[in-house]
């Protein structure tokens, strides 16, 4: 079996032509640098919410998923229960597990390497990897994006946490909005059909609508119900249409007798 045939047979990787390594690296560096610099905002926000320098850096080193990190420190800064804040951050991070299921097929990494690669399975690395036409490009894009982002995110987190005192009131700068803004910028182009847009809109409505009445961190958990609710409504509507079609068919057959 030739290399091109093997790539064509691989799930999600078709014969769409190779992409120059330089182009893959350029795209990966662009994403890694742009998002990695927002780690500064997380460092400042985390320090402003009361976490120590060690705790802030540990979150970036070990958790390394920006939206979840911002959700955690945001809930703590708002006076939320630590367990509730951690639960909200956890559910936001669950999406990475689904990314991993897809990337495991595309990357096809040796078993010994997978636990280390799993640390880099986030929105940005997934977006870059899925945009590549060949397995070589997928691996290169994933690796360059992950390495660049991990190094920059942790470095800027440290700088942000150390410089938090010099900045003063972090709320006045609005730095806590940087992480969610980056996440939304990456998410928006991925909403390609009506169902996905409805899920996103409902999640926003639930999250913002319940923010004034529920403890910090809980609206994020409730917003996660948007997907199953929309899918349930869609399935019910589809079943109703099938039943109507079957009924019309039975009536037409009866009239034809």
Protein backbone atom coordinates (compact mmCIF):
# COMPACT_ATOMS: atom_id res chain seq x y z
CA UNK A 1 0.00 0.00 0.00
CA UNK A 2 1.42 3.40 -0.95
CA UNK A 3 1.62 6.29 1.48
CA UNK A 4 -1.02 8.29 -0.41
CA UNK A 5 -3.41 5.33 -0.39
CA UNK A 6 -2.92 4.90 3.34
CA UNK A 7 -3.70 8.57 3.91
CA UNK A 8 -6.81 8.37 1.75
CA UNK A 9 -8.04 5.40 3.75
CA UNK A 10 -7.46 7.16 7.05
CA UNK A 11 -10.67 8.56 8.61
CA UNK A 12 -11.10 12.21 7.77
CA UNK A 13 -8.03 12.47 5.56
CA UNK A 14 -8.72 12.35 1.87
CA UNK A 15 -6.68 12.79 -1.26
CA UNK A 16 -6.86 16.59 -1.38
CA UNK A 17 -3.19 17.21 -2.09
CA UNK A 18 -0.24 17.79 0.18
CA UNK A 19 0.26 21.10 1.96
CA UNK A 20 3.79 22.54 2.25
CA UNK A 21 5.28 22.15 5.72
CA UNK A 22 6.13 25.86 5.78
CA UNK A 23 2.45 26.76 5.30
CA UNK A 24 1.38 24.42 8.09
CA UNK A 25 4.01 25.84 10.46
CA UNK A 26 3.01 29.40 9.56
CA UNK A 27 -0.66 28.74 10.32
CA UNK A 28 0.15 26.89 13.52
CA UNK A 29 2.48 29.62 14.77
CA UNK A 30 -0.13 32.26 13.97
CA UNK A 31 -2.72 30.55 16.16
CA UNK A 32 -0.24 29.60 18.89
CA UNK A 33 1.23 33.07 19.26
CA UNK A 34 -2.09 34.94 19.04
CA UNK A 35 -3.80 32.80 21.68
CA UNK A 36 -0.71 32.19 23.81
CA UNK A 37 -0.34 35.90 24.55
CA UNK A 38 -3.77 35.93 26.21
CA UNK A 39 -2.26 33.87 29.02
CA UNK A 40 -1.16 37.24 30.42
CA UNK A 41 -4.82 38.13 30.94
CA UNK A 42 -5.39 34.85 32.76
CA UNK A 43 -2.40 35.42 35.04
CA UNK A 44 -3.63 38.89 35.99
CA UNK A 45 -7.22 37.72 36.48
CA UNK A 46 -6.20 34.71 38.54
CA UNK A 47 -3.96 36.76 40.82
CA UNK A 48 -6.71 39.35 41.15
CA UNK A 49 -9.19 36.67 42.25
CA UNK A 50 -6.98 35.71 45.18
CA UNK A 51 -5.00 32.73 43.86
CA UNK A 52 -1.31 32.58 44.68
CA UNK A 53 1.43 32.68 42.09
CA UNK A 54 2.02 28.93 42.51
CA UNK A 55 -1.68 28.11 42.15
CA UNK A 56 -2.02 30.29 39.06
CA UNK A 57 0.98 28.73 37.33
CA UNK A 58 -0.11 25.23 38.32
CA UNK A 59 -3.48 25.77 36.62
CA UNK A 60 -1.79 26.70 33.34
CA UNK A 61 0.77 23.90 33.56
CA UNK A 62 -1.62 21.12 34.52
CA UNK A 63 -5.08 22.15 33.34
CA UNK A 64 -4.05 24.06 30.20
CA UNK A 65 -7.47 24.82 28.77
CA UNK A 66 -8.10 28.54 28.76
CA UNK A 67 -11.90 28.67 28.89
CA UNK A 68 -12.01 26.33 31.89
CA UNK A 69 -9.29 28.27 33.66
CA UNK A 70 -11.08 31.58 33.18
CA UNK A 71 -14.37 30.00 34.29
CA UNK A 72 -12.76 28.72 37.48
CA UNK A 73 -11.06 31.94 38.54
CA UNK A 74 -14.06 34.01 37.44
CA UNK A 75 -16.41 32.00 39.63
CA UNK A 76 -14.01 32.22 42.57
CA UNK A 77 -13.62 35.98 42.11
CA UNK A 78 -17.41 36.33 42.17
CA UNK A 79 -17.54 34.54 45.51
CA UNK A 80 -18.71 31.20 44.20
CA UNK A 81 -18.29 27.91 46.02
CA UNK A 82 -14.95 26.29 45.08
CA UNK A 83 -16.64 22.98 44.29
CA UNK A 84 -19.21 24.65 42.04
CA UNK A 85 -16.47 26.65 40.33
CA UNK A 86 -14.44 23.48 39.77
CA UNK A 87 -17.51 21.65 38.43
CA UNK A 88 -18.19 24.41 35.91
CA UNK A 89 -14.57 24.37 34.77
CA UNK A 90 -14.68 20.57 34.50
CA UNK A 91 -17.75 20.52 32.28
CA UNK A 92 -16.24 23.13 30.00
CA UNK A 93 -13.15 20.94 29.72
CA UNK A 94 -15.15 17.82 28.84
CA UNK A 95 -15.28 18.98 25.22
CA UNK A 96 -11.57 18.18 24.96
CA UNK A 97 -12.35 14.51 25.49
CA UNK A 98 -14.51 14.54 22.36
CA UNK A 99 -11.76 16.35 20.48
CA UNK A 100 -9.42 13.56 21.56
CA UNK A 101 -11.64 10.86 20.08
CA UNK A 102 -11.38 12.49 16.68
CA UNK A 103 -7.72 13.44 16.88
CA UNK A 104 -6.69 9.96 17.96
CA UNK A 105 -7.81 8.72 14.53
CA UNK A 106 -6.15 11.50 12.59
CA UNK A 107 -2.85 11.59 14.48
CA UNK A 108 -2.50 7.81 14.93
CA UNK A 109 0.30 8.34 17.45
CA UNK A 110 2.21 5.50 19.16
CA UNK A 111 0.54 4.37 22.38
CA UNK A 112 3.42 5.59 24.55
CA UNK A 113 3.12 9.14 23.19
CA UNK A 114 -0.65 9.53 23.55
CA UNK A 115 -0.75 10.51 27.26
CA UNK A 116 1.65 13.39 26.57
CA UNK A 117 -0.21 14.49 23.43
CA UNK A 118 -3.49 14.48 25.37
CA UNK A 119 -2.27 17.48 27.37
CA UNK A 120 -2.31 19.52 24.15
CA UNK A 121 -5.78 18.48 22.99
CA UNK A 122 -7.56 21.85 23.15
CA UNK A 123 -9.65 24.06 20.87
CA UNK A 124 -6.73 25.61 19.02
CA UNK A 125 -4.72 22.45 18.30
CA UNK A 126 -7.89 20.68 17.20
CA UNK A 127 -8.87 23.50 14.85
CA UNK A 128 -5.43 23.57 13.21
CA UNK A 129 -5.20 19.78 12.96
CA UNK A 130 -8.64 19.32 11.42
CA UNK A 131 -7.83 21.88 8.73
CA UNK A 132 -4.94 19.79 7.35
CA UNK A 133 -5.25 17.48 4.30
CA UNK A 134 -2.68 14.80 5.18
CA UNK A 135 -1.58 12.94 8.29
CA UNK A 136 1.88 14.49 8.12
CA UNK A 137 0.32 17.97 8.07
CA UNK A 138 -2.07 17.03 10.89
CA UNK A 139 0.79 15.92 13.11
CA UNK A 140 2.93 18.93 12.25
CA UNK A 141 0.11 21.41 12.80
CA UNK A 142 -0.92 19.79 16.08
CA UNK A 143 2.65 19.67 17.41
CA UNK A 144 3.67 23.21 16.44
CA UNK A 145 0.43 24.72 17.71
CA UNK A 146 0.55 22.74 20.96
CA UNK A 147 4.21 23.48 21.69
CA UNK A 148 3.97 27.19 20.84
CA UNK A 149 0.77 27.70 22.78
CA UNK A 150 1.87 25.70 25.82
CA UNK A 151 5.16 27.58 26.18
CA UNK A 152 3.69 31.03 25.56
CA UNK A 153 0.57 30.45 27.66
CA UNK A 154 2.59 29.40 30.69
CA UNK A 155 5.18 32.13 30.24
CA UNK A 156 2.59 34.89 29.90
CA UNK A 157 0.58 33.44 32.80
CA UNK A 158 3.66 33.84 34.99
CA UNK A 159 4.25 37.38 33.73
CA UNK A 160 0.61 38.31 34.28
CA UNK A 161 0.51 36.93 37.80
CA UNK A 162 3.77 38.67 38.74
CA UNK A 163 2.66 41.96 37.20
CA UNK A 164 -0.87 41.92 38.64
CA UNK A 165 0.07 44.24 41.49
CA UNK A 166 1.52 46.82 39.10
CA UNK A 167 -1.65 46.81 36.98
CA UNK A 168 -3.92 47.49 39.93
CA UNK A 169 -7.66 46.90 39.60
CA UNK A 170 -8.00 44.08 37.05
CA UNK A 171 -11.75 44.64 36.68
CA UNK A 172 -11.10 48.13 35.35
CA UNK A 173 -9.02 46.68 32.50
CA UNK A 174 -11.55 44.02 31.57
CA UNK A 175 -8.82 41.42 31.14
CA UNK A 176 -11.09 38.65 32.39
CA UNK A 177 -12.97 38.89 29.09
CA UNK A 178 -9.92 38.06 26.96
CA UNK A 179 -10.15 34.28 27.37
CA UNK A 180 -13.88 33.96 26.61
CA UNK A 181 -13.46 36.33 23.65
CA UNK A 182 -10.74 34.12 22.15
CA UNK A 183 -12.88 31.03 22.72
CA UNK A 184 -15.89 32.60 20.98
CA UNK A 185 -13.71 33.76 18.06
CA UNK A 186 -12.60 30.15 17.53
CA UNK A 187 -16.08 28.72 18.03
CA UNK A 188 -18.05 31.03 15.73
CA UNK A 189 -16.66 29.73 12.39
CA UNK A 190 -17.39 26.15 13.48
CA UNK A 191 -21.16 26.76 13.75
CA UNK A 192 -22.02 25.62 10.22
CA UNK A 193 -25.62 24.41 10.48
CA UNK A 194 -28.87 25.48 12.09
CA UNK A 195 -28.73 22.94 14.91
CA UNK A 196 -25.29 24.08 16.03
CA UNK A 197 -26.32 27.74 15.93
CA UNK A 198 -29.48 27.04 17.94
CA UNK A 199 -27.45 25.14 20.58
CA UNK A 200 -24.99 28.03 20.86
CA UNK A 201 -27.74 30.65 21.08
CA UNK A 202 -29.67 28.69 23.71
CA UNK A 203 -26.50 28.16 25.76
CA UNK A 204 -25.83 31.90 25.72
CA UNK A 205 -29.40 32.68 26.74
CA UNK A 206 -29.32 30.17 29.59
CA UNK A 207 -25.92 31.33 30.82
CA UNK A 208 -26.64 35.05 30.72
CA UNK A 209 -30.27 34.76 31.79
CA UNK A 210 -29.49 32.74 34.90
CA UNK A 211 -26.38 34.70 35.86
CA UNK A 212 -28.26 37.17 38.13
CA UNK A 213 -30.27 34.50 39.96
CA UNK A 214 -27.90 31.54 40.43
CA UNK A 215 -24.59 31.25 42.32
CA UNK A 216 -21.40 31.86 40.37
CA UNK A 217 -20.42 28.83 38.29
CA UNK A 218 -23.90 27.26 38.21
CA UNK A 219 -25.12 29.06 35.03
CA UNK A 220 -22.27 27.39 33.11
CA UNK A 221 -23.50 23.98 34.22
CA UNK A 222 -27.09 24.78 33.22
CA UNK A 223 -25.98 26.15 29.85
CA UNK A 224 -24.47 22.73 29.09
CA UNK A 225 -28.05 21.41 28.88
CA UNK A 226 -28.57 23.35 25.65
CA UNK A 227 -27.18 20.58 23.44
CA UNK A 228 -29.30 17.68 24.75
CA UNK A 229 -32.41 19.89 24.81
CA UNK A 230 -32.02 20.93 21.18
CA UNK A 231 -31.19 17.40 20.06
CA UNK A 232 -34.23 16.04 21.93
CA UNK A 233 -36.50 18.64 20.30
CA UNK A 234 -35.02 17.88 16.89
CA UNK A 235 -35.54 14.15 17.33
CA UNK A 236 -39.12 14.64 18.47
CA UNK A 237 -39.83 16.86 15.49
CA UNK A 238 -38.33 14.29 13.12
CA UNK A 239 -40.43 11.50 14.63
CA UNK A 240 -43.53 13.65 14.30
CA UNK A 241 -42.80 14.28 10.62
CA UNK A 242 -42.32 10.54 10.04
CA UNK A 243 -45.63 9.78 11.76
CA UNK A 244 -47.41 12.41 9.66
CA UNK A 245 -45.90 10.96 6.49
CA UNK A 246 -46.95 7.45 7.45
CA UNK A 247 -50.49 8.66 8.21
CA UNK A 248 -50.79 10.46 4.88
CA UNK A 249 -49.51 7.36 3.09
CA UNK A 250 -52.11 5.18 4.80
CA UNK A 251 -54.91 7.61 3.89
CA UNK A 252 -53.79 7.75 0.26
CA UNK A 253 -53.68 3.96 0.05
CA UNK A 254 -57.15 3.76 1.59
CA UNK A 255 -58.54 6.30 -0.90
CA UNK A 256 -57.01 4.38 -3.80
CA UNK A 257 -58.95 1.24 -3.06
